Amino acid sequence: MKKYLLSLLIIVSLLGLSGCGSSQGVKEQEKAEKVNLGIIQIVEHPSLDAARQGFLDALKEGGYAEGQKLIADYQNAQGDQGNLQAIARKFVQDKKDVILAIATPSAMTMANETSEIPILMTAVTDPISAKLVKNLQQPGTNVTGTTDMNPVKDQLKLIKDIVPSAKRVGIIYNSSEINSAVQVEAADKVVPELDLELVKVSVSASNEVMQAAQSLVGKVDAYYLPTDNMVISSVAAVIKVAEENKIPIFTGESSSVEQGALATVGIDYYQLGYTTGEMALRILKGEKPQEMAVQGQVGTDIILNLKAAERIGLTIPKEVLAKANKTIK
């Protein structure tokens, strides 16, 4: 009887261990089936946040809902290059399945850390100048995604359409951001044909943005802010100076107009991120980023802030109002 009971206990124990092993195996399999996504973002501001949300929504609609088949690790560097590097290294150590890099500095830092993990970039102005891809049609690297190269000429022309007497335009930017340098170069090329002159002020930190705006008072007829991550994250400071001195602000993206700038010919960053998410779905199905063409934004909108115009005592011409896709009242 004792031998029988001993044998029975051994069998029950083995079955219990087998059950635990089976349960553990199922958990590991379920974990393996989930996609581990790393999201690296240089700084918070509405356009970049919108791109991130568009990306996640596209993945959700493609069957990868966050918390179910998707584990998303979102990290924001708060504008600090050291933070960017630490985040990028951690993502590589964690062996993420795919990475979303939001804005040029994020994409460049991430690409410097890995040439193997697929990187989807979004809100990157010039991927070639940033050396993220070899060309737009055949990236030839582990990086692909979407570019937010904005219509600089159309944006500057809007200044003349709204303020025909404008001659000098103050442009505030961070010269260490490649995306900003590219836009300033583009502006330099088109201002002569628009009978405009650029007055450039470069900043190296967010706390310099207000001082830069103040230094242009009395020297310019309008401000132009490109899609510079540092400047746009501090746009409230420029708006304050501009309103105190009745100077209109034209920007490279729409979120700043919603916050109080005057106008833009802007792109939809949510849609930009959504397009990037669709590209991520293709990679998850087996396509290679090396062979996936970089996508641009299709279509632009004229966005006007009528409250901002009222605060600086500016009347927007009827012809411009008629063309506007969106007016903020």
Protein backbone atom coordinates (compact mmCIF):
# COMPACT_ATOMS: atom_id res chain seq x y z
CA MET A 1 0.00 0.00 0.00
CA LYS A 2 2.85 2.40 0.88
CA LYS A 3 4.54 1.68 -2.44
CA TYR A 4 1.24 2.32 -4.24
CA LEU A 5 0.70 5.66 -2.47
CA LEU A 6 4.31 6.71 -3.19
CA SER A 7 3.89 5.91 -6.87
CA LEU A 8 0.64 7.85 -6.98
CA LEU A 9 2.26 10.92 -5.41
CA ILE A 10 5.09 10.82 -7.93
CA ILE A 11 2.64 10.61 -10.84
CA VAL A 12 0.56 13.51 -9.48
CA SER A 13 3.72 15.61 -8.99
CA LEU A 14 4.91 14.92 -12.51
CA LEU A 15 1.53 15.82 -13.93
CA GLY A 16 1.59 19.06 -11.93
CA LEU A 17 5.03 19.94 -13.23
CA SER A 18 3.94 19.08 -16.75
CA GLY A 19 0.91 21.32 -16.36
CA CYS A 20 3.07 24.22 -15.11
CA GLY A 21 5.47 23.76 -17.96
CA SER A 22 2.62 23.70 -20.43
CA SER A 23 1.09 26.85 -18.91
CA GLN A 24 4.45 28.61 -18.95
CA GLY A 25 4.95 27.56 -22.55
CA VAL A 26 1.58 29.01 -23.57
CA LYS A 27 2.42 32.30 -21.85
CA GLU A 28 5.78 32.50 -23.60
CA GLN A 29 4.13 31.73 -26.93
CA GLU A 30 1.51 34.43 -26.37
CA LYS A 31 4.26 36.90 -25.51
CA ALA A 32 6.22 35.93 -28.59
CA GLU A 33 3.16 36.58 -30.79
CA LYS A 34 2.94 40.17 -29.58
CA VAL A 35 4.84 42.90 -31.40
CA ASN A 36 7.24 44.87 -29.22
CA LEU A 37 7.21 48.45 -30.48
CA GLY A 38 9.59 51.17 -29.34
CA ILE A 39 8.53 54.81 -29.88
CA ILE A 40 11.26 57.43 -29.60
CA GLN A 41 10.21 61.11 -29.78
CA ILE A 42 12.47 64.15 -29.51
CA VAL A 43 10.00 66.48 -27.76
CA GLU A 44 6.32 66.92 -27.06
CA HIS A 45 4.27 69.18 -29.25
CA PRO A 46 0.87 68.70 -30.87
CA SER A 47 2.05 67.86 -34.42
CA LEU A 48 4.45 65.14 -33.28
CA ASP A 49 1.88 63.80 -30.82
CA ALA A 50 -0.68 63.66 -33.62
CA ALA A 51 1.73 61.70 -35.82
CA ARG A 52 2.26 59.19 -33.01
CA GLN A 53 -1.47 58.74 -32.51
CA GLY A 54 -2.04 58.28 -36.24
CA PHE A 55 0.61 55.56 -36.29
CA LEU A 56 -0.95 53.68 -33.36
CA ASP A 57 -4.44 53.98 -34.87
CA ALA A 58 -3.24 52.47 -38.16
CA LEU A 59 -1.69 49.55 -36.29
CA LYS A 60 -4.88 49.05 -34.28
CA GLU A 61 -7.00 48.97 -37.42
CA GLY A 62 -4.53 46.49 -38.88
CA GLY A 63 -5.05 44.09 -35.98
CA TYR A 64 -2.35 45.29 -33.58
CA ALA A 65 -4.20 46.96 -30.73
CA GLU A 66 -2.06 48.32 -27.91
CA GLY A 67 -2.19 46.02 -24.89
CA GLN A 68 -3.36 43.08 -26.99
CA LYS A 69 -1.13 42.15 -29.92
CA LEU A 70 1.02 45.24 -29.44
CA ILE A 71 3.32 46.22 -26.56
CA ALA A 72 4.21 49.89 -27.07
CA ASP A 73 7.11 51.44 -25.17
CA TYR A 74 6.81 55.22 -25.60
CA GLN A 75 9.82 57.33 -24.61
CA ASN A 76 10.16 61.12 -24.95
CA ALA A 77 13.61 62.72 -24.81
CA GLN A 78 12.23 66.15 -23.77
CA GLY A 79 14.53 67.83 -26.27
CA ASP A 80 17.72 66.38 -24.78
CA GLN A 81 20.23 64.65 -27.07
CA GLY A 82 21.66 62.62 -24.18
CA ASN A 83 18.18 61.28 -23.43
CA LEU A 84 17.74 60.38 -27.09
CA GLN A 85 20.93 58.33 -27.09
CA ALA A 86 19.99 56.54 -23.87
CA ILE A 87 16.54 55.67 -25.23
CA ALA A 88 17.98 54.41 -28.52
CA ARG A 89 20.53 52.19 -26.77
CA LYS A 90 17.84 50.76 -24.48
CA PHE A 91 15.58 49.92 -27.42
CA VAL A 92 18.42 48.00 -29.07
CA GLN A 93 19.21 46.17 -25.83
CA ASP A 94 15.52 45.27 -25.46
CA LYS A 95 15.54 43.88 -29.01
CA LYS A 96 12.40 45.70 -30.11
CA ASP A 97 10.64 44.20 -33.13
CA VAL A 98 10.10 47.56 -34.77
CA ILE A 99 10.76 51.19 -33.85
CA LEU A 100 8.88 54.40 -34.60
CA ALA A 101 11.23 57.41 -34.63
CA ILE A 102 9.38 60.73 -34.53
CA ALA A 103 11.25 63.74 -35.98
CA THR A 104 14.70 63.95 -37.56
CA PRO A 105 16.89 63.93 -34.40
CA SER A 106 15.10 60.82 -33.12
CA ALA A 107 15.49 58.97 -36.42
CA MET A 108 19.17 59.89 -36.78
CA THR A 109 20.02 58.82 -33.23
CA MET A 110 18.10 55.56 -33.59
CA ALA A 111 19.69 54.74 -36.94
CA ASN A 112 23.15 55.27 -35.43
CA GLU A 113 22.40 52.58 -32.83
CA THR A 114 21.07 49.81 -35.08
CA SER A 115 21.21 48.78 -38.70
CA GLU A 116 19.09 45.67 -38.11
CA ILE A 117 15.85 46.59 -36.32
CA PRO A 118 13.32 48.10 -38.77
CA ILE A 119 12.91 51.82 -38.09
CA LEU A 120 9.79 53.69 -39.25
CA MET A 121 10.43 57.43 -39.30
CA THR A 122 7.81 60.15 -39.42
CA ALA A 123 7.95 63.97 -39.34
CA VAL A 124 11.41 63.85 -40.93
CA THR A 125 11.99 66.71 -43.36
CA ASP A 126 14.83 65.45 -45.56
CA PRO A 127 15.79 61.78 -45.02
CA ILE A 128 18.59 61.98 -47.59
CA SER A 129 20.34 64.99 -46.05
CA ALA A 130 19.98 63.29 -42.66
CA LYS A 131 21.67 60.20 -44.19
CA LEU A 132 18.83 57.98 -43.12
CA VAL A 133 18.21 56.58 -46.60
CA LYS A 134 20.21 56.33 -49.80
CA ASN A 135 17.28 57.49 -51.91
CA LEU A 136 13.55 57.93 -51.43
CA GLN A 137 12.44 55.14 -53.77
CA GLN A 138 14.87 52.48 -52.54
CA PRO A 139 16.03 53.44 -49.03
CA GLY A 140 18.70 50.72 -48.95
CA THR A 141 18.82 50.88 -45.13
CA ASN A 142 16.74 49.62 -42.22
CA VAL A 143 14.92 53.00 -42.24
CA THR A 144 11.80 54.02 -44.15
CA GLY A 145 8.62 55.94 -43.41
CA THR A 146 7.25 59.40 -44.16
CA THR A 147 8.68 62.85 -44.76
CA ASP A 148 7.05 66.11 -43.69
CA MET A 149 8.96 68.35 -46.09
CA ASN A 150 6.59 71.28 -46.04
CA PRO A 151 5.70 73.59 -48.94
CA VAL A 152 8.09 76.40 -47.96
CA LYS A 153 7.42 78.48 -51.07
CA ASP A 154 3.64 78.32 -50.61
CA GLN A 155 4.01 79.26 -46.95
CA LEU A 156 6.14 82.29 -47.74
CA LYS A 157 3.82 83.29 -50.57
CA LEU A 158 0.97 83.25 -48.05
CA ILE A 159 2.79 86.03 -46.19
CA LYS A 160 2.62 88.24 -49.30
CA ASP A 161 -1.00 87.25 -49.93
CA ILE A 162 -2.05 88.31 -46.42
CA VAL A 163 0.43 91.17 -45.87
CA PRO A 164 1.26 92.50 -49.37
CA SER A 165 3.45 95.26 -47.92
CA ALA A 166 5.70 92.78 -46.10
CA LYS A 167 9.38 93.02 -47.06
CA ARG A 168 11.42 91.46 -44.25
CA VAL A 169 10.62 88.12 -42.65
CA GLY A 170 12.23 86.93 -39.42
CA ILE A 171 12.97 83.21 -39.32
CA ILE A 172 13.84 81.55 -35.99
CA TYR A 173 15.42 78.11 -36.09
CA ASN A 174 17.88 75.72 -34.49
CA SER A 175 20.82 75.40 -36.89
CA SER A 176 21.86 72.07 -35.39
CA GLU A 177 18.62 70.47 -36.60
CA ILE A 178 19.23 69.27 -40.15
CA ASN A 179 15.52 69.49 -40.92
CA SER A 180 15.53 73.20 -40.04
CA ALA A 181 18.68 73.96 -42.02
CA VAL A 182 17.07 72.34 -45.07
CA GLN A 183 13.99 74.56 -44.76
CA VAL A 184 16.03 77.73 -44.29
CA GLU A 185 18.00 76.84 -47.40
CA ALA A 186 14.75 76.31 -49.31
CA ALA A 187 13.46 79.68 -48.07
CA ASP A 188 16.66 81.41 -49.17
CA LYS A 189 16.09 80.16 -52.71
CA VAL A 190 12.52 81.39 -53.07
CA VAL A 191 12.42 84.75 -51.24
CA PRO A 192 13.94 86.75 -54.12
CA GLU A 193 11.05 85.91 -56.46
CA LEU A 194 8.58 86.84 -53.72
CA ASP A 195 10.29 90.20 -53.11
CA LEU A 196 11.07 89.20 -49.53
CA GLU A 197 14.22 89.26 -47.42
CA LEU A 198 14.99 86.77 -44.65
CA VAL A 199 16.35 87.92 -41.32
CA LYS A 200 17.69 84.79 -39.61
CA VAL A 201 18.13 84.14 -35.91
CA SER A 202 19.48 80.82 -34.69
CA VAL A 203 18.85 79.36 -31.24
CA SER A 204 20.49 76.45 -29.44
CA ALA A 205 18.08 76.00 -26.52
CA SER A 206 14.36 76.44 -25.87
CA ASN A 207 14.95 79.24 -23.38
CA GLU A 208 16.52 81.33 -26.18
CA VAL A 209 13.40 81.36 -28.35
CA MET A 210 11.68 84.34 -26.69
CA GLN A 211 14.87 86.40 -26.78
CA ALA A 212 15.26 85.57 -30.48
CA ALA A 213 11.70 86.76 -31.16
CA GLN A 214 12.33 89.96 -29.22
CA SER A 215 15.54 90.64 -31.15
CA LEU A 216 13.52 90.79 -34.37
CA VAL A 217 11.01 93.38 -33.17
CA GLY A 218 11.27 96.52 -35.29
CA LYS A 219 13.34 94.68 -37.90
CA VAL A 220 10.73 92.45 -39.57
CA ASP A 221 7.18 92.60 -40.89
CA ALA A 222 6.38 88.96 -40.09
CA TYR A 223 7.75 85.89 -38.38
CA TYR A 224 8.18 82.57 -40.21
CA LEU A 225 8.68 79.47 -38.06
CA PRO A 226 9.69 76.30 -39.94
CA THR A 227 8.97 72.83 -38.56
CA ASP A 228 11.79 73.17 -36.07
CA ASN A 229 11.22 70.92 -33.06
CA MET A 230 12.89 73.24 -30.56
CA VAL A 231 11.16 76.40 -31.76
CA ILE A 232 7.70 74.91 -32.25
CA SER A 233 7.79 73.39 -28.76
CA SER A 234 8.29 76.98 -27.50
CA VAL A 235 5.91 78.69 -29.91
CA ALA A 236 3.91 80.24 -27.05
CA ALA A 237 6.88 82.50 -26.34
CA VAL A 238 6.95 83.77 -29.93
CA ILE A 239 3.18 84.29 -29.92
CA LYS A 240 3.47 86.42 -26.77
CA VAL A 241 6.13 88.68 -28.32
CA ALA A 242 4.30 88.84 -31.65
CA GLU A 243 0.97 89.88 -30.15
CA GLU A 244 2.58 92.52 -27.94
CA ASN A 245 4.19 94.03 -31.04
CA LYS A 246 1.44 93.37 -33.62
CA ILE A 247 3.59 91.10 -35.80
CA PRO A 248 1.92 88.22 -37.70
CA ILE A 249 3.33 84.69 -37.33
CA PHE A 250 3.35 82.23 -40.23
CA THR A 251 4.37 78.66 -39.48
CA GLY A 252 5.38 75.41 -41.11
CA GLU A 253 2.69 73.35 -39.37
CA SER A 254 -0.91 73.69 -38.25
CA SER A 255 -0.75 73.06 -34.49
CA SER A 256 0.99 76.40 -33.95
CA VAL A 257 -1.84 78.18 -35.75
CA GLU A 258 -4.30 76.49 -33.43
CA GLN A 259 -2.24 77.77 -30.50
CA GLY A 260 -2.27 81.38 -31.71
CA ALA A 261 -0.05 81.88 -34.77
CA LEU A 262 -1.75 83.53 -37.75
CA ALA A 263 -1.57 81.15 -40.69
CA THR A 264 0.04 78.26 -42.53
CA VAL A 265 -0.17 76.11 -45.60
CA GLY A 266 0.22 72.95 -43.58
CA ILE A 267 0.12 69.20 -43.70
CA ASP A 268 -1.93 66.80 -41.60
CA TYR A 269 0.44 65.18 -39.10
CA TYR A 270 -2.13 62.66 -37.92
CA GLN A 271 -2.48 61.41 -41.48
CA LEU A 272 1.30 61.43 -41.86
CA GLY A 273 1.60 59.15 -38.84
CA TYR A 274 -1.26 56.99 -40.06
CA THR A 275 0.51 56.45 -43.39
CA THR A 276 3.65 55.48 -41.45
CA GLY A 277 1.58 52.97 -39.46
CA GLU A 278 0.32 51.40 -42.67
CA MET A 279 3.93 50.97 -43.75
CA ALA A 280 4.71 49.31 -40.41
CA LEU A 281 1.94 46.80 -41.06
CA ARG A 282 3.59 45.90 -44.35
CA ILE A 283 6.90 45.33 -42.58
CA LEU A 284 5.20 43.11 -40.01
CA LYS A 285 3.91 41.04 -42.92
CA GLY A 286 7.42 40.52 -44.22
CA GLU A 287 8.32 43.47 -46.45
CA LYS A 288 11.78 44.96 -46.03
CA PRO A 289 12.29 48.64 -45.20
CA GLN A 290 15.31 48.65 -47.56
CA GLU A 291 12.92 48.20 -50.49
CA MET A 292 9.99 50.32 -49.28
CA ALA A 293 9.77 53.83 -50.76
CA VAL A 294 9.58 56.81 -48.41
CA GLN A 295 6.14 58.43 -48.56
CA GLY A 296 5.27 62.14 -48.53
CA GLN A 297 2.14 63.96 -47.47
CA VAL A 298 -0.52 64.25 -50.16
CA GLY A 299 -2.27 67.61 -50.16
CA THR A 300 -1.98 70.71 -47.99
CA ASP A 301 -4.46 72.99 -46.28
CA ILE A 302 -4.57 76.76 -45.78
CA ILE A 303 -5.32 77.29 -42.10
CA LEU A 304 -6.10 80.72 -40.67
CA ASN A 305 -6.55 81.90 -37.09
CA LEU A 306 -9.03 84.76 -37.19
CA LYS A 307 -8.68 85.42 -33.46
CA ALA A 308 -4.94 85.89 -33.89
CA ALA A 309 -5.59 88.33 -36.75
CA GLU A 310 -7.99 90.30 -34.55
CA ARG A 311 -5.51 90.44 -31.66
CA ILE A 312 -2.86 92.08 -33.84
CA GLY A 313 -5.32 94.30 -35.71
CA LEU A 314 -4.87 92.59 -39.07
CA THR A 315 -7.57 92.16 -41.71
CA ILE A 316 -7.16 89.04 -43.82
CA PRO A 317 -8.02 89.69 -47.50
CA LYS A 318 -11.29 88.17 -48.74
CA GLU A 319 -9.48 86.25 -51.49
CA VAL A 320 -7.39 84.41 -48.89
CA LEU A 321 -10.41 83.73 -46.68
CA ALA A 322 -12.19 82.19 -49.67
CA LYS A 323 -9.32 79.77 -50.23
CA ALA A 324 -8.95 78.70 -46.60
CA ASN A 325 -9.60 75.05 -45.76
CA LYS A 326 -9.94 75.81 -42.07
CA THR A 327 -10.52 78.96 -40.06
CA ILE A 328 -10.15 79.22 -36.30
CA LYS A 329 -12.65 81.71 -34.89
